């Protein structure tokens, strides 16, 4: 990882958490998340195996837990991987 990537990662480590928390208070952001969820549900067929690159806290894999056979989350941020592991320990 080059220095600029490491800097961005350190400066923005809580950005996704912030977005998820503020979605409840932001109608536009909430609408985006709902549209994203609907797209994923329609795009992934039952029984698929999914690799989520840049999985963050695992919310996409968690959303698809009843449809997918297997899920693999990949992220450079160890903190997000730990959160994803807790959220998606059944996949």
C-alpha atoms as a PDB file:
ATOM      1  CA  UNK A   1       0.000   0.000   0.000  1.00  0.00           C
ATOM      2  CA  UNK A   2       1.457   3.362  -0.928  1.00  0.00           C
ATOM      3  CA  UNK A   3       1.579   6.291   1.479  1.00  0.00           C
ATOM      4  CA  UNK A   4      -1.377   8.172  -0.066  1.00  0.00           C
ATOM      5  CA  UNK A   5      -3.595   5.079   0.230  1.00  0.00           C
ATOM      6  CA  UNK A   6      -2.624   4.640   3.860  1.00  0.00           C
ATOM      7  CA  UNK A   7      -3.313   8.322   4.545  1.00  0.00           C
ATOM      8  CA  UNK A   8      -6.755   8.165   2.917  1.00  0.00           C
ATOM      9  CA  UNK A   9      -7.578   5.018   4.858  1.00  0.00           C
ATOM     10  CA  UNK A  10      -6.595   6.607   8.167  1.00  0.00           C
ATOM     11  CA  UNK A  11      -8.454   9.839   7.464  1.00  0.00           C
ATOM     12  CA  UNK A  12     -11.653   8.106   6.316  1.00  0.00           C
ATOM     13  CA  UNK A  13     -11.791   5.018   8.518  1.00  0.00           C
ATOM     14  CA  UNK A  14     -15.119   5.993  10.070  1.00  0.00           C
ATOM     15  CA  UNK A  15     -16.754   7.373   6.915  1.00  0.00           C
ATOM     16  CA  UNK A  16     -18.902   4.320   6.172  1.00  0.00           C
ATOM     17  CA  UNK A  17     -20.029   4.104   9.780  1.00  0.00           C
ATOM     18  CA  UNK A  18     -20.955   7.792   9.623  1.00  0.00           C
ATOM     19  CA  UNK A  19     -22.990   7.273   6.448  1.00  0.00           C
ATOM     20  CA  UNK A  20     -24.866   4.336   7.901  1.00  0.00           C
ATOM     21  CA  UNK A  21     -25.678   6.207  11.111  1.00  0.00           C
ATOM     22  CA  UNK A  22     -26.814   9.374   9.333  1.00  0.00           C
ATOM     23  CA  UNK A  23     -28.970   7.516   6.804  1.00  0.00           C
ATOM     24  CA  UNK A  24     -31.753   7.433   9.366  1.00  0.00           C
ATOM     25  CA  UNK A  25     -31.777  11.236   9.448  1.00  0.00           C
ATOM     26  CA  UNK A  26     -31.193  11.880   5.750  1.00  0.00           C
ATOM     27  CA  UNK A  27     -34.099  11.058   3.411  1.00  0.00           C
ATOM     28  CA  UNK A  28     -31.883  11.244   0.315  1.00  0.00           C
ATOM     29  CA  UNK A  29     -29.181   8.992   1.754  1.00  0.00           C
ATOM     30  CA  UNK A  30     -31.810   6.588   3.059  1.00  0.00           C
ATOM     31  CA  UNK A  31     -33.359   6.459  -0.422  1.00  0.00           C
ATOM     32  CA  UNK A  32     -29.960   5.632  -1.896  1.00  0.00           C
ATOM     33  CA  UNK A  33     -29.437   2.754   0.557  1.00  0.00           C
ATOM     34  CA  UNK A  34     -32.917   1.375  -0.157  1.00  0.00           C
ATOM     35  CA  UNK A  35     -32.308   1.498  -3.915  1.00  0.00           C
ATOM     36  CA  UNK A  36     -28.942  -0.191  -3.443  1.00  0.00           C
ATOM     37  CA  UNK A  37     -30.527  -2.969  -1.367  1.00  0.00           C
ATOM     38  CA  UNK A  38     -33.265  -3.570  -3.936  1.00  0.00           C
ATOM     39  CA  UNK A  39     -30.689  -3.741  -6.735  1.00  0.00           C
ATOM     40  CA  UNK A  40     -28.628  -6.308  -4.845  1.00  0.00           C
ATOM     41  CA  UNK A  41     -31.652  -8.429  -3.995  1.00  0.00           C
ATOM     42  CA  UNK A  42     -32.716  -8.494  -7.658  1.00  0.00           C
ATOM     43  CA  UNK A  43     -29.205  -9.082  -9.024  1.00  0.00           C
ATOM     44  CA  UNK A  44     -28.167 -12.036  -6.869  1.00  0.00           C
ATOM     45  CA  UNK A  45     -29.912 -15.338  -7.466  1.00  0.00           C
ATOM     46  CA  UNK A  46     -30.657 -17.829  -4.714  1.00  0.00           C
ATOM     47  CA  UNK A  47     -27.784 -20.225  -4.104  1.00  0.00           C
ATOM     48  CA  UNK A  48     -25.088 -17.945  -5.523  1.00  0.00           C
ATOM     49  CA  UNK A  49     -21.663 -17.573  -3.962  1.00  0.00           C
ATOM     50  CA  UNK A  50     -20.644 -13.934  -3.570  1.00  0.00           C
ATOM     51  CA  UNK A  51     -17.287 -12.200  -3.195  1.00  0.00           C
ATOM     52  CA  UNK A  52     -17.661  -8.680  -1.835  1.00  0.00           C
ATOM     53  CA  UNK A  53     -14.521  -6.640  -2.595  1.00  0.00           C
ATOM     54  CA  UNK A  54     -14.323  -3.657  -0.281  1.00  0.00           C
ATOM     55  CA  UNK A  55     -16.910  -5.292   1.986  1.00  0.00           C
ATOM     56  CA  UNK A  56     -16.667  -2.690   4.723  1.00  0.00           C
ATOM     57  CA  UNK A  57     -18.725  -3.825   7.692  1.00  0.00           C
ATOM     58  CA  UNK A  58     -20.373  -6.643   5.728  1.00  0.00           C
ATOM     59  CA  UNK A  59     -23.786  -5.052   5.252  1.00  0.00           C
ATOM     60  CA  UNK A  60     -24.170  -6.325   1.672  1.00  0.00           C
ATOM     61  CA  UNK A  61     -23.370  -9.908   2.605  1.00  0.00           C
ATOM     62  CA  UNK A  62     -25.658  -9.606   5.616  1.00  0.00           C
ATOM     63  CA  UNK A  63     -28.444  -8.305   3.379  1.00  0.00           C
ATOM     64  CA  UNK A  64     -28.056 -11.331   1.110  1.00  0.00           C
ATOM     65  CA  UNK A  65     -27.699 -13.926   3.869  1.00  0.00           C
ATOM     66  CA  UNK A  66     -30.975 -15.680   3.046  1.00  0.00           C
ATOM     67  CA  UNK A  67     -30.190 -15.918  -0.674  1.00  0.00           C
ATOM     68  CA  UNK A  68     -26.533 -16.826  -0.968  1.00  0.00           C
ATOM     69  CA  UNK A  69     -24.833 -20.152  -0.463  1.00  0.00           C
ATOM     70  CA  UNK A  70     -21.463 -18.653   0.484  1.00  0.00           C
ATOM     71  CA  UNK A  71     -20.101 -15.181   1.025  1.00  0.00           C
ATOM     72  CA  UNK A  72     -16.551 -13.907   1.175  1.00  0.00           C
ATOM     73  CA  UNK A  73     -15.781 -10.366   2.288  1.00  0.00           C
ATOM     74  CA  UNK A  74     -12.474  -8.759   1.365  1.00  0.00           C
ATOM     75  CA  UNK A  75     -11.318  -5.384   2.693  1.00  0.00           C
ATOM     76  CA  UNK A  76      -7.995  -3.657   3.389  1.00  0.00           C
ATOM     77  CA  UNK A  77      -9.283  -2.261   6.687  1.00  0.00           C
ATOM     78  CA  UNK A  78      -8.863  -4.834   9.470  1.00  0.00           C
ATOM     79  CA  UNK A  79     -11.409  -3.018  11.648  1.00  0.00           C
ATOM     80  CA  UNK A  80     -14.111  -3.406   9.000  1.00  0.00           C
ATOM     81  CA  UNK A  81     -13.237  -7.082   8.555  1.00  0.00           C
ATOM     82  CA  UNK A  82     -13.706  -7.633  12.277  1.00  0.00           C
ATOM     83  CA  UNK A  83     -17.121  -5.911  12.149  1.00  0.00           C
ATOM     84  CA  UNK A  84     -18.095  -7.933   9.081  1.00  0.00           C
ATOM     85  CA  UNK A  85     -17.023 -11.135  10.778  1.00  0.00           C
ATOM     86  CA  UNK A  86     -19.255 -10.363  13.750  1.00  0.00           C
ATOM     87  CA  UNK A  87     -22.202  -9.359  11.574  1.00  0.00           C
ATOM     88  CA  UNK A  88     -21.878 -12.246   9.122  1.00  0.00           C
ATOM     89  CA  UNK A  89     -20.573 -15.096  11.247  1.00  0.00           C
ATOM     90  CA  UNK A  90     -23.176 -17.449   9.756  1.00  0.00           C
ATOM     91  CA  UNK A  91     -21.939 -17.184   6.134  1.00  0.00           C
END
